[in-house]
Amino acid sequence: MQAITAHDGGLRLDEHPDPVAGPGEVLVEVAAAGVNNADLQQVAGNYPPPPGASEVLGLEVSGTVRALGDGVDGFAVGGRVCALLSGGGYATMVAVPAAQVLPVPDGVDLVEAAGLPEAACTVYSNVGMIAGLRPGQTLLVHGGTGGMGSHAVVWAKALGARVIATSGGERKVRASEALGADLVVDHRTEDFVERALDFTDGRGVDVVLDVVGADYLAKHLEVLAPNGHIAVIAAGSGAKGELDFGAMMRKRATISATTLRARPLDEKAAIVAAVREHVWPLVAEGSVRPVVDSVVPLAEAAEAHRRVRDGEVIGKVLLAV
């Protein structure tokens, strides 16, 4: 098979041995792979694969089932699937634990489906499972047009929540509005705390999906409603910040911080199962859809990384195999 690995700060496309479906695994012929910031961090040497994971880049794919390992049921050869990976997605074939595989619903384009697993599992595990966002509550999403943020906006609206999104610049503000956000704040020119408090009549937001980290910690406590939750999934401004426990206690606030890639198989299996139960029906009915910026050939992965790095994309960049 052909696959892409990180090499000397760049990308290298090589021939690799074909994977085999081991016990409990599904062999997928890849149609497309999603590009995530984690891939760029791995190339830069800042985010190595967890022990035992493939050195091949890529944390999510879509494709067709080509073989089933011993003990696998619920999938059939020829079936359309997408999958969450610890690595190995930038390739023409990949073997995946069956517990991390999801069927692609009828009506969803197979290539575009590659943009769903990482975002759906990250957002639902943090905002749905940990923070417990419910219909009628308010979610604040930073980076409302990014790969994670765009999915969070679409999913939360389908759930019945109100969504406040931050985006940078007129083009992205309009894109966030088109995705369904109830209020979009241009973080380049506006104060999201002031706008969010005004929008909620001073109450604040119930959940913050935080990709910023240290620089926004005090602001998030200020904008949070009583009994609210801050779900940290990235720390773009730095990993260390000062936390006001007094403010947290007065609001009875909670905070969580997670990554997905290095979680044990049983935890990933539980998340994928929850996504299949609670998010996938929304995908099947069309109220949650992949948000795709562009599709680039696998051999042009460096161009796909450039687009993500430049930060002007709306939704996911995908690599078509």
C-alpha atoms as a PDB file:
ATOM      1  CA  MET A   1       0.000   0.000   0.000  1.00  0.00           C
ATOM      2  CA  GLN A   2       0.974   3.660  -0.242  1.00  0.00           C
ATOM      3  CA  ALA A   3       1.180   5.690   2.948  1.00  0.00           C
ATOM      4  CA  ILE A   4       2.498   9.021   4.223  1.00  0.00           C
ATOM      5  CA  THR A   5       4.785   9.448   7.218  1.00  0.00           C
ATOM      6  CA  ALA A   6       6.512  12.437   8.779  1.00  0.00           C
ATOM      7  CA  HIS A   7      10.118  12.796   7.636  1.00  0.00           C
ATOM      8  CA  ASP A   8      12.588  15.574   8.532  1.00  0.00           C
ATOM      9  CA  GLY A   9       9.808  18.030   9.283  1.00  0.00           C
ATOM     10  CA  GLY A  10       7.960  17.209   6.080  1.00  0.00           C
ATOM     11  CA  LEU A  11       5.903  14.453   4.489  1.00  0.00           C
ATOM     12  CA  ARG A  12       7.024  11.366   2.615  1.00  0.00           C
ATOM     13  CA  LEU A  13       4.867   9.077   0.467  1.00  0.00           C
ATOM     14  CA  ASP A  14       6.231   5.512   0.373  1.00  0.00           C
ATOM     15  CA  GLU A  15       5.248   1.932  -0.270  1.00  0.00           C
ATOM     16  CA  HIS A  16       4.438   0.010   2.927  1.00  0.00           C
ATOM     17  CA  PRO A  17       3.397  -3.595   3.566  1.00  0.00           C
ATOM     18  CA  ASP A  18      -0.337  -4.134   3.260  1.00  0.00           C
ATOM     19  CA  PRO A  19      -2.027  -4.318   6.674  1.00  0.00           C
ATOM     20  CA  VAL A  20      -3.919  -7.429   7.736  1.00  0.00           C
ATOM     21  CA  ALA A  21      -7.106  -7.520   9.786  1.00  0.00           C
ATOM     22  CA  GLY A  22      -6.145  -9.093  13.087  1.00  0.00           C
ATOM     23  CA  PRO A  23      -8.578 -10.452  15.664  1.00  0.00           C
ATOM     24  CA  GLY A  24     -11.258  -7.895  16.359  1.00  0.00           C
ATOM     25  CA  GLU A  25     -10.176  -5.647  13.476  1.00  0.00           C
ATOM     26  CA  VAL A  26     -11.672  -4.407  10.224  1.00  0.00           C
ATOM     27  CA  LEU A  27      -9.539  -3.909   7.114  1.00  0.00           C
ATOM     28  CA  VAL A  28     -10.641  -0.750   5.299  1.00  0.00           C
ATOM     29  CA  GLU A  29      -9.764   0.284   1.756  1.00  0.00           C
ATOM     30  CA  VAL A  30      -9.452   4.015   2.289  1.00  0.00           C
ATOM     31  CA  ALA A  31     -11.514   6.460   0.239  1.00  0.00           C
ATOM     32  CA  ALA A  32     -10.415   9.557   2.142  1.00  0.00           C
ATOM     33  CA  ALA A  33      -8.640  10.678   5.308  1.00  0.00           C
ATOM     34  CA  GLY A  34      -9.354  13.715   7.435  1.00  0.00           C
ATOM     35  CA  VAL A  35      -6.593  16.247   8.098  1.00  0.00           C
ATOM     36  CA  ASN A  36      -6.361  17.441  11.705  1.00  0.00           C
ATOM     37  CA  ASN A  37      -4.120  19.872  13.530  1.00  0.00           C
ATOM     38  CA  ALA A  38      -2.736  16.878  15.421  1.00  0.00           C
ATOM     39  CA  ASP A  39      -1.235  15.677  12.134  1.00  0.00           C
ATOM     40  CA  LEU A  40       0.582  18.982  11.693  1.00  0.00           C
ATOM     41  CA  GLN A  41       1.832  18.769  15.272  1.00  0.00           C
ATOM     42  CA  GLN A  42       3.120  15.246  14.649  1.00  0.00           C
ATOM     43  CA  VAL A  43       5.055  16.411  11.589  1.00  0.00           C
ATOM     44  CA  ALA A  44       6.567  19.213  13.680  1.00  0.00           C
ATOM     45  CA  GLY A  45       7.700  16.674  16.281  1.00  0.00           C
ATOM     46  CA  ASN A  46       5.333  17.922  18.979  1.00  0.00           C
ATOM     47  CA  TYR A  47       2.785  15.107  19.054  1.00  0.00           C
ATOM     48  CA  PRO A  48       4.290  11.631  18.625  1.00  0.00           C
ATOM     49  CA  PRO A  49       2.020   8.619  18.134  1.00  0.00           C
ATOM     50  CA  PRO A  50       1.083   6.762  21.346  1.00  0.00           C
ATOM     51  CA  PRO A  51       2.955   3.504  22.000  1.00  0.00           C
ATOM     52  CA  GLY A  52       2.001   0.825  19.500  1.00  0.00           C
ATOM     53  CA  ALA A  53       0.283   3.204  17.068  1.00  0.00           C
ATOM     54  CA  SER A  54       1.222   3.448  13.410  1.00  0.00           C
ATOM     55  CA  GLU A  55       3.817   6.010  12.365  1.00  0.00           C
ATOM     56  CA  VAL A  56       1.617   6.723   9.346  1.00  0.00           C
ATOM     57  CA  LEU A  57      -0.233  10.010   9.775  1.00  0.00           C
ATOM     58  CA  GLY A  58      -4.003  10.297   9.973  1.00  0.00           C
ATOM     59  CA  LEU A  59      -6.581   9.961  12.763  1.00  0.00           C
ATOM     60  CA  GLU A  60      -9.738   9.293  10.744  1.00  0.00           C
ATOM     61  CA  VAL A  61     -10.751   7.691   7.462  1.00  0.00           C
ATOM     62  CA  SER A  62     -13.695   6.630   5.377  1.00  0.00           C
ATOM     63  CA  GLY A  63     -13.761   3.743   2.960  1.00  0.00           C
ATOM     64  CA  THR A  64     -14.945   0.250   2.138  1.00  0.00           C
ATOM     65  CA  VAL A  65     -14.586  -2.906   4.231  1.00  0.00           C
ATOM     66  CA  ARG A  66     -12.233  -5.363   2.535  1.00  0.00           C
ATOM     67  CA  ALA A  67     -11.782  -8.023   5.251  1.00  0.00           C
ATOM     68  CA  LEU A  68     -12.897  -8.858   8.771  1.00  0.00           C
ATOM     69  CA  GLY A  69     -10.690 -10.261  11.497  1.00  0.00           C
ATOM     70  CA  ASP A  70     -11.723 -13.097  13.777  1.00  0.00           C
ATOM     71  CA  GLY A  71     -14.533 -12.243  16.149  1.00  0.00           C
ATOM     72  CA  VAL A  72     -15.874  -9.255  14.209  1.00  0.00           C
ATOM     73  CA  ASP A  73     -19.570  -8.991  13.559  1.00  0.00           C
ATOM     74  CA  GLY A  74     -21.864  -6.134  12.668  1.00  0.00           C
ATOM     75  CA  PHE A  75     -19.892  -5.271   9.521  1.00  0.00           C
ATOM     76  CA  ALA A  76     -19.713  -6.927   6.098  1.00  0.00           C
ATOM     77  CA  VAL A  77     -17.186  -6.938   3.291  1.00  0.00           C
ATOM     78  CA  GLY A  78     -18.136  -4.176   0.879  1.00  0.00           C
ATOM     79  CA  GLY A  79     -19.786  -2.058   3.547  1.00  0.00           C
ATOM     80  CA  ARG A  80     -19.299   1.722   3.637  1.00  0.00           C
ATOM     81  CA  VAL A  81     -17.634   2.793   6.868  1.00  0.00           C
ATOM     82  CA  CYS A  82     -15.673   5.527   8.575  1.00  0.00           C
ATOM     83  CA  ALA A  83     -13.337   5.069  11.510  1.00  0.00           C
ATOM     84  CA  LEU A  84     -11.476   6.729  14.361  1.00  0.00           C
ATOM     85  CA  LEU A  85      -7.754   5.903  14.415  1.00  0.00           C
ATOM     86  CA  SER A  86      -4.671   6.311  16.570  1.00  0.00           C
ATOM     87  CA  GLY A  87      -2.718   6.676  13.318  1.00  0.00           C
ATOM     88  CA  GLY A  88      -2.508   5.133   9.874  1.00  0.00           C
ATOM     89  CA  GLY A  89      -5.130   7.121   7.956  1.00  0.00           C
ATOM     90  CA  TYR A  90      -2.941   8.715   5.262  1.00  0.00           C
ATOM     91  CA  ALA A  91      -2.796   5.428   3.394  1.00  0.00           C
ATOM     92  CA  THR A  92      -4.607   3.337   0.847  1.00  0.00           C
ATOM     93  CA  MET A  93      -5.435   0.619   3.424  1.00  0.00           C
ATOM     94  CA  VAL A  94      -5.743   0.543   7.195  1.00  0.00           C
ATOM     95  CA  ALA A  95      -6.652  -2.035   9.835  1.00  0.00           C
ATOM     96  CA  VAL A  96      -8.872  -0.637  12.598  1.00  0.00           C
ATOM     97  CA  PRO A  97     -10.329  -2.088  15.816  1.00  0.00           C
ATOM     98  CA  ALA A  98     -13.960  -2.857  15.000  1.00  0.00           C
ATOM     99  CA  ALA A  99     -15.076  -0.898  18.064  1.00  0.00           C
ATOM    100  CA  GLN A 100     -13.776   2.286  16.404  1.00  0.00           C
ATOM    101  CA  VAL A 101     -15.641   1.781  13.125  1.00  0.00           C
ATOM    102  CA  LEU A 102     -18.951   3.422  12.222  1.00  0.00           C
ATOM    103  CA  PRO A 103     -21.245   2.672   9.269  1.00  0.00           C
ATOM    104  CA  VAL A 104     -21.655   5.530   6.792  1.00  0.00           C
ATOM    105  CA  PRO A 105     -25.393   6.250   6.552  1.00  0.00           C
ATOM    106  CA  ASP A 106     -27.147   6.227   3.203  1.00  0.00           C
ATOM    107  CA  GLY A 107     -27.121   9.682   1.666  1.00  0.00           C
ATOM    108  CA  VAL A 108     -23.753  10.661   3.154  1.00  0.00           C
ATOM    109  CA  ASP A 109     -20.970  10.952   0.587  1.00  0.00           C
ATOM    110  CA  LEU A 110     -18.276   8.363   1.301  1.00  0.00           C
ATOM    111  CA  VAL A 111     -15.359  10.785   0.841  1.00  0.00           C
ATOM    112  CA  GLU A 112     -16.984  13.501   2.966  1.00  0.00           C
ATOM    113  CA  ALA A 113     -17.668  10.977   5.731  1.00  0.00           C
ATOM    114  CA  ALA A 114     -13.928  11.029   6.500  1.00  0.00           C
ATOM    115  CA  GLY A 115     -14.507  14.405   8.144  1.00  0.00           C
ATOM    116  CA  LEU A 116     -16.819  13.021  10.831  1.00  0.00           C
ATOM    117  CA  PRO A 117     -15.128  10.532  13.213  1.00  0.00           C
ATOM    118  CA  GLU A 118     -12.507  12.689  14.953  1.00  0.00           C
ATOM    119  CA  ALA A 119     -14.761  15.724  15.337  1.00  0.00           C
ATOM    120  CA  ALA A 120     -17.851  13.765  16.321  1.00  0.00           C
ATOM    121  CA  CYS A 121     -16.009  11.696  18.927  1.00  0.00           C
ATOM    122  CA  THR A 122     -14.087  14.664  20.346  1.00  0.00           C
ATOM    123  CA  VAL A 123     -17.068  16.992  20.544  1.00  0.00           C
ATOM    124  CA  TYR A 124     -19.569  14.450  21.836  1.00  0.00           C
ATOM    125  CA  SER A 125     -17.235  12.956  24.447  1.00  0.00           C
ATOM    126  CA  ASN A 126     -16.476  16.397  25.865  1.00  0.00           C
ATOM    127  CA  VAL A 127     -19.640  18.432  25.334  1.00  0.00           C
ATOM    128  CA  GLY A 128     -22.183  15.625  25.442  1.00  0.00           C
ATOM    129  CA  MET A 129     -20.765  12.991  27.786  1.00  0.00           C
ATOM    130  CA  ILE A 130     -18.694  15.090  30.218  1.00  0.00           C
ATOM    131  CA  ALA A 131     -20.360  18.521  30.113  1.00  0.00           C
ATOM    132  CA  GLY A 132     -23.841  17.115  29.558  1.00  0.00           C
ATOM    133  CA  LEU A 133     -25.121  19.790  27.158  1.00  0.00           C
ATOM    134  CA  ARG A 134     -28.910  19.580  26.905  1.00  0.00           C
ATOM    135  CA  PRO A 135     -31.542  21.067  24.598  1.00  0.00           C
ATOM    136  CA  GLY A 136     -32.252  24.665  25.532  1.00  0.00           C
ATOM    137  CA  GLN A 137     -28.818  25.271  27.052  1.00  0.00           C
ATOM    138  CA  THR A 138     -26.176  27.552  25.530  1.00  0.00           C
ATOM    139  CA  LEU A 139     -22.825  26.419  24.136  1.00  0.00           C
ATOM    140  CA  LEU A 140     -19.910  28.739  23.423  1.00  0.00           C
ATOM    141  CA  VAL A 141     -17.672  27.410  20.628  1.00  0.00           C
ATOM    142  CA  HIS A 142     -14.325  28.978  19.801  1.00  0.00           C
ATOM    143  CA  GLY A 143     -13.106  28.612  16.228  1.00  0.00           C
ATOM    144  CA  GLY A 144     -16.614  28.146  14.891  1.00  0.00           C
ATOM    145  CA  THR A 145     -15.434  27.389  11.367  1.00  0.00           C
ATOM    146  CA  GLY A 146     -12.597  24.985  12.250  1.00  0.00           C
ATOM    147  CA  GLY A 147     -12.795  21.241  11.919  1.00  0.00           C
ATOM    148  CA  MET A 148     -13.954  20.756  15.517  1.00  0.00           C
ATOM    149  CA  GLY A 149     -15.825  24.019  15.872  1.00  0.00           C
ATOM    150  CA  SER A 150     -17.911  23.660  12.736  1.00  0.00           C
ATOM    151  CA  HIS A 151     -19.053  20.201  13.794  1.00  0.00           C
ATOM    152  CA  ALA A 152     -19.818  21.449  17.316  1.00  0.00           C
ATOM    153  CA  VAL A 153     -22.031  24.201  15.917  1.00  0.00           C
ATOM    154  CA  VAL A 154     -23.957  21.845  13.634  1.00  0.00           C
ATOM    155  CA  TRP A 155     -24.350  19.096  16.246  1.00  0.00           C
ATOM    156  CA  ALA A 156     -25.382  21.393  19.107  1.00  0.00           C
ATOM    157  CA  LYS A 157     -28.019  23.077  16.929  1.00  0.00           C
ATOM    158  CA  ALA A 158     -29.373  19.663  15.905  1.00  0.00           C
ATOM    159  CA  LEU A 159     -29.519  18.768  19.606  1.00  0.00           C
ATOM    160  CA  GLY A 160     -31.653  21.833  20.295  1.00  0.00           C
ATOM    161  CA  ALA A 161     -29.079  23.980  22.080  1.00  0.00           C
ATOM    162  CA  ARG A 162     -28.320  27.644  21.456  1.00  0.00           C
ATOM    163  CA  VAL A 163     -24.854  28.265  20.035  1.00  0.00           C
ATOM    164  CA  ILE A 164     -22.526  31.223  20.335  1.00  0.00           C
ATOM    165  CA  ALA A 165     -19.478  30.922  18.062  1.00  0.00           C
ATOM    166  CA  THR A 166     -16.347  33.010  17.759  1.00  0.00           C
ATOM    167  CA  SER A 167     -14.703  33.442  14.372  1.00  0.00           C
ATOM    168  CA  GLY A 168     -12.111  35.763  12.879  1.00  0.00           C
ATOM    169  CA  GLY A 169     -13.055  38.098  10.035  1.00  0.00           C
ATOM    170  CA  GLU A 170     -16.186  38.804   8.022  1.00  0.00           C
ATOM    171  CA  ARG A 171     -15.903  35.699   5.817  1.00  0.00           C
ATOM    172  CA  LYS A 172     -15.741  33.317   8.765  1.00  0.00           C
ATOM    173  CA  VAL A 173     -18.433  35.156  10.696  1.00  0.00           C
ATOM    174  CA  ARG A 174     -20.793  34.688   7.763  1.00  0.00           C
ATOM    175  CA  ALA A 175     -19.783  31.022   7.477  1.00  0.00           C
ATOM    176  CA  SER A 176     -20.536  30.410  11.154  1.00  0.00           C
ATOM    177  CA  GLU A 177     -23.923  32.035  10.707  1.00  0.00           C
ATOM    178  CA  ALA A 178     -24.600  29.793   7.706  1.00  0.00           C
ATOM    179  CA  LEU A 179     -23.788  26.737   9.839  1.00  0.00           C
ATOM    180  CA  GLY A 180     -26.549  27.786  12.222  1.00  0.00           C
ATOM    181  CA  ALA A 181     -24.867  29.632  15.095  1.00  0.00           C
ATOM    182  CA  ASP A 182     -27.333  31.875  16.914  1.00  0.00           C
ATOM    183  CA  LEU A 183     -24.693  34.516  17.642  1.00  0.00           C
ATOM    184  CA  VAL A 184     -21.288  34.894  15.995  1.00  0.00           C
ATOM    185  CA  VAL A 185     -18.650  37.103  17.599  1.00  0.00           C
ATOM    186  CA  ASP A 186     -15.712  38.376  15.548  1.00  0.00           C
ATOM    187  CA  HIS A 187     -12.912  37.804  18.045  1.00  0.00           C
ATOM    188  CA  ARG A 188     -10.675  40.196  16.127  1.00  0.00           C
ATOM    189  CA  THR A 189     -12.865  43.212  16.850  1.00  0.00           C
ATOM    190  CA  GLU A 190     -15.373  42.220  19.551  1.00  0.00           C
ATOM    191  CA  ASP A 191     -15.365  41.064  23.189  1.00  0.00           C
ATOM    192  CA  PHE A 192     -16.983  37.634  23.283  1.00  0.00           C
ATOM    193  CA  VAL A 193     -17.671  37.892  27.028  1.00  0.00           C
ATOM    194  CA  GLU A 194     -19.624  41.117  26.639  1.00  0.00           C
ATOM    195  CA  ARG A 195     -21.538  39.851  23.586  1.00  0.00           C
ATOM    196  CA  ALA A 196     -22.336  36.475  25.170  1.00  0.00           C
ATOM    197  CA  LEU A 197     -23.542  37.979  28.447  1.00  0.00           C
ATOM    198  CA  ASP A 198     -25.719  40.418  26.539  1.00  0.00           C
ATOM    199  CA  PHE A 199     -27.110  37.599  24.380  1.00  0.00           C
ATOM    200  CA  THR A 200     -27.985  35.523  27.471  1.00  0.00           C
ATOM    201  CA  ASP A 201     -29.404  38.459  29.451  1.00  0.00           C
ATOM    202  CA  GLY A 202     -26.477  38.301  31.844  1.00  0.00           C
ATOM    203  CA  ARG A 203     -26.837  34.622  32.729  1.00  0.00           C
ATOM    204  CA  GLY A 204     -23.859  33.323  30.757  1.00  0.00           C
ATOM    205  CA  VAL A 205     -23.248  30.111  28.855  1.00  0.00           C
ATOM    206  CA  ASP A 206     -23.706  26.579  30.130  1.00  0.00           C
ATOM    207  CA  VAL A 207     -20.761  24.987  28.323  1.00  0.00           C
ATOM    208  CA  VAL A 208     -17.574  26.363  26.771  1.00  0.00           C
ATOM    209  CA  LEU A 209     -15.724  24.289  24.170  1.00  0.00           C
ATOM    210  CA  ASP A 210     -12.227  25.645  24.716  1.00  0.00           C
ATOM    211  CA  VAL A 211      -9.401  25.362  22.189  1.00  0.00           C
ATOM    212  CA  VAL A 212      -7.526  28.409  23.477  1.00  0.00           C
ATOM    213  CA  GLY A 213      -6.364  27.490  26.971  1.00  0.00           C
ATOM    214  CA  ALA A 214      -4.473  29.780  29.313  1.00  0.00           C
ATOM    215  CA  ASP A 215      -5.236  33.195  27.809  1.00  0.00           C
ATOM    216  CA  TYR A 216      -9.001  32.720  28.012  1.00  0.00           C
ATOM    217  CA  LEU A 217      -9.277  30.951  31.368  1.00  0.00           C
ATOM    218  CA  ALA A 218     -10.372  34.029  33.354  1.00  0.00           C
ATOM    219  CA  LYS A 219     -12.727  35.108  30.563  1.00  0.00           C
ATOM    220  CA  HIS A 220     -14.347  31.698  30.482  1.00  0.00           C
ATOM    221  CA  LEU A 221     -15.037  31.801  34.198  1.00  0.00           C
ATOM    222  CA  GLU A 222     -16.557  35.255  33.708  1.00  0.00           C
ATOM    223  CA  VAL A 223     -18.825  34.177  30.848  1.00  0.00           C
ATOM    224  CA  LEU A 224     -19.863  30.890  32.462  1.00  0.00           C
ATOM    225  CA  ALA A 225     -23.382  30.487  33.885  1.00  0.00           C
ATOM    226  CA  PRO A 226     -23.951  28.962  37.334  1.00  0.00           C
ATOM    227  CA  ASN A 227     -23.211  25.214  37.273  1.00  0.00           C
ATOM    228  CA  GLY A 228     -21.489  25.689  33.908  1.00  0.00           C
ATOM    229  CA  HIS A 229     -18.659  23.612  32.492  1.00  0.00           C
ATOM    230  CA  ILE A 230     -15.472  24.428  30.562  1.00  0.00           C
ATOM    231  CA  ALA A 231     -14.359  21.579  28.269  1.00  0.00           C
ATOM    232  CA  VAL A 232     -10.747  22.032  27.189  1.00  0.00           C
ATOM    233  CA  ILE A 233      -9.711  20.111  24.081  1.00  0.00           C
ATOM    234  CA  ALA A 234      -6.678  22.194  23.059  1.00  0.00           C
ATOM    235  CA  ALA A 235      -4.467  24.875  24.567  1.00  0.00           C
ATOM    236  CA  GLY A 236      -3.399  27.052  21.675  1.00  0.00           C
ATOM    237  CA  SER A 237      -2.330  29.953  23.899  1.00  0.00           C
ATOM    238  CA  GLY A 238      -0.368  27.833  26.349  1.00  0.00           C
ATOM    239  CA  ALA A 239      -0.813  24.946  28.721  1.00  0.00           C
ATOM    240  CA  LYS A 240      -0.405  26.806  32.022  1.00  0.00           C
ATOM    241  CA  GLY A 241      -2.746  29.440  33.425  1.00  0.00           C
ATOM    242  CA  GLU A 242      -3.943  30.850  36.735  1.00  0.00           C
ATOM    243  CA  LEU A 243      -7.241  29.450  37.966  1.00  0.00           C
ATOM    244  CA  ASP A 244      -9.471  31.442  40.331  1.00  0.00           C
ATOM    245  CA  PHE A 245     -10.971  28.763  42.577  1.00  0.00           C
ATOM    246  CA  GLY A 246     -13.086  31.386  44.309  1.00  0.00           C
ATOM    247  CA  ALA A 247     -14.793  32.257  41.044  1.00  0.00           C
ATOM    248  CA  MET A 248     -15.253  28.570  40.281  1.00  0.00           C
ATOM    249  CA  MET A 249     -16.826  27.871  43.652  1.00  0.00           C
ATOM    250  CA  ARG A 250     -19.150  30.869  43.469  1.00  0.00           C
ATOM    251  CA  LYS A 251     -20.467  29.604  40.138  1.00  0.00           C
ATOM    252  CA  ARG A 252     -20.245  25.918  41.106  1.00  0.00           C
ATOM    253  CA  ALA A 253     -18.285  25.555  37.877  1.00  0.00           C
ATOM    254  CA  THR A 254     -16.437  22.507  36.612  1.00  0.00           C
ATOM    255  CA  ILE A 255     -13.615  22.111  34.125  1.00  0.00           C
ATOM    256  CA  SER A 256     -12.290  19.114  32.184  1.00  0.00           C
ATOM    257  CA  ALA A 257      -9.376  18.635  29.832  1.00  0.00           C
ATOM    258  CA  THR A 258      -9.015  15.646  27.538  1.00  0.00           C
ATOM    259  CA  THR A 259      -7.273  14.273  24.495  1.00  0.00           C
ATOM    260  CA  LEU A 260      -8.654  11.443  22.389  1.00  0.00           C
ATOM    261  CA  ARG A 261      -5.787   9.806  20.536  1.00  0.00           C
ATOM    262  CA  ALA A 262      -3.973   8.194  23.464  1.00  0.00           C
ATOM    263  CA  ARG A 263      -7.044   6.884  25.277  1.00  0.00           C
ATOM    264  CA  PRO A 264      -7.217   3.122  25.863  1.00  0.00           C
ATOM    265  CA  LEU A 265      -9.224   1.036  23.413  1.00  0.00           C
ATOM    266  CA  ASP A 266     -12.076   0.470  25.868  1.00  0.00           C
ATOM    267  CA  GLU A 267     -12.533   4.210  26.380  1.00  0.00           C
ATOM    268  CA  LYS A 268     -12.496   4.875  22.636  1.00  0.00           C
ATOM    269  CA  ALA A 269     -14.964   2.020  22.128  1.00  0.00           C
ATOM    270  CA  ALA A 270     -17.342   3.579  24.667  1.00  0.00           C
ATOM    271  CA  ILE A 271     -17.101   6.976  22.964  1.00  0.00           C
ATOM    272  CA  VAL A 272     -17.682   5.527  19.487  1.00  0.00           C
ATOM    273  CA  ALA A 273     -20.651   3.529  20.795  1.00  0.00           C
ATOM    274  CA  ALA A 274     -22.119   6.682  22.350  1.00  0.00           C
ATOM    275  CA  VAL A 275     -21.598   8.618  19.112  1.00  0.00           C
ATOM    276  CA  ARG A 276     -23.314   5.845  17.169  1.00  0.00           C
ATOM    277  CA  GLU A 277     -26.273   5.921  19.562  1.00  0.00           C
ATOM    278  CA  HIS A 278     -26.696   9.669  20.023  1.00  0.00           C
ATOM    279  CA  VAL A 279     -25.068  11.460  17.076  1.00  0.00           C
ATOM    280  CA  TRP A 280     -25.369   9.018  14.188  1.00  0.00           C
ATOM    281  CA  PRO A 281     -29.189   9.208  13.982  1.00  0.00           C
ATOM    282  CA  LEU A 282     -28.760  12.951  13.391  1.00  0.00           C
ATOM    283  CA  VAL A 283     -26.231  12.188  10.656  1.00  0.00           C
ATOM    284  CA  ALA A 284     -28.598   9.662   9.082  1.00  0.00           C
ATOM    285  CA  GLU A 285     -31.484  12.160   9.016  1.00  0.00           C
ATOM    286  CA  GLY A 286     -29.245  14.912   7.608  1.00  0.00           C
ATOM    287  CA  SER A 287     -29.405  17.418  10.467  1.00  0.00           C
ATOM    288  CA  VAL A 288     -25.717  16.759  11.187  1.00  0.00           C
ATOM    289  CA  ARG A 289     -23.517  16.667   8.115  1.00  0.00           C
ATOM    290  CA  PRO A 290     -19.787  16.721   7.358  1.00  0.00           C
ATOM    291  CA  VAL A 291     -18.515  20.274   6.938  1.00  0.00           C
ATOM    292  CA  VAL A 292     -15.874  19.999   4.211  1.00  0.00           C
ATOM    293  CA  ASP A 293     -13.677  22.858   3.061  1.00  0.00           C
ATOM    294  CA  SER A 294     -11.818  21.038   0.295  1.00  0.00           C
ATOM    295  CA  VAL A 295     -10.656  17.665  -0.962  1.00  0.00           C
ATOM    296  CA  VAL A 296      -7.005  17.199  -1.954  1.00  0.00           C
ATOM    297  CA  PRO A 297      -5.321  14.112  -3.497  1.00  0.00           C
ATOM    298  CA  LEU A 298      -3.322  11.988  -1.042  1.00  0.00           C
ATOM    299  CA  ALA A 299      -0.098  12.722  -2.931  1.00  0.00           C
ATOM    300  CA  GLU A 300      -0.655  16.443  -2.275  1.00  0.00           C
ATOM    301  CA  ALA A 301      -0.887  16.097   1.508  1.00  0.00           C
ATOM    302  CA  ALA A 302       1.645  18.916   1.981  1.00  0.00           C
ATOM    303  CA  GLU A 303      -0.803  21.288   0.287  1.00  0.00           C
ATOM    304  CA  ALA A 304      -3.584  20.068   2.573  1.00  0.00           C
ATOM    305  CA  HIS A 305      -1.392  20.763   5.596  1.00  0.00           C
ATOM    306  CA  ARG A 306      -0.628  24.242   4.276  1.00  0.00           C
ATOM    307  CA  ARG A 307      -4.324  25.019   4.011  1.00  0.00           C
ATOM    308  CA  VAL A 308      -4.961  23.909   7.591  1.00  0.00           C
ATOM    309  CA  ARG A 309      -1.882  25.749   8.861  1.00  0.00           C
ATOM    310  CA  ASP A 310      -2.974  28.996   7.181  1.00  0.00           C
ATOM    311  CA  GLY A 311      -6.184  28.873   9.187  1.00  0.00           C
ATOM    312  CA  GLU A 312      -8.501  30.065   6.448  1.00  0.00           C
ATOM    313  CA  VAL A 313     -10.409  26.811   5.974  1.00  0.00           C
ATOM    314  CA  ILE A 314     -14.077  26.378   6.813  1.00  0.00           C
ATOM    315  CA  GLY A 315     -14.613  22.833   8.031  1.00  0.00           C
ATOM    316  CA  LYS A 316     -12.363  19.896   7.245  1.00  0.00           C
ATOM    317  CA  VAL A 317      -9.689  19.412   4.596  1.00  0.00           C
ATOM    318  CA  LEU A 318      -9.766  15.845   3.312  1.00  0.00           C
ATOM    319  CA  LEU A 319      -7.245  13.692   1.453  1.00  0.00           C
ATOM    320  CA  ALA A 320      -8.810  11.605  -1.313  1.00  0.00           C
ATOM    321  CA  VAL A 321      -7.134   8.309  -2.068  1.00  0.00           C
END
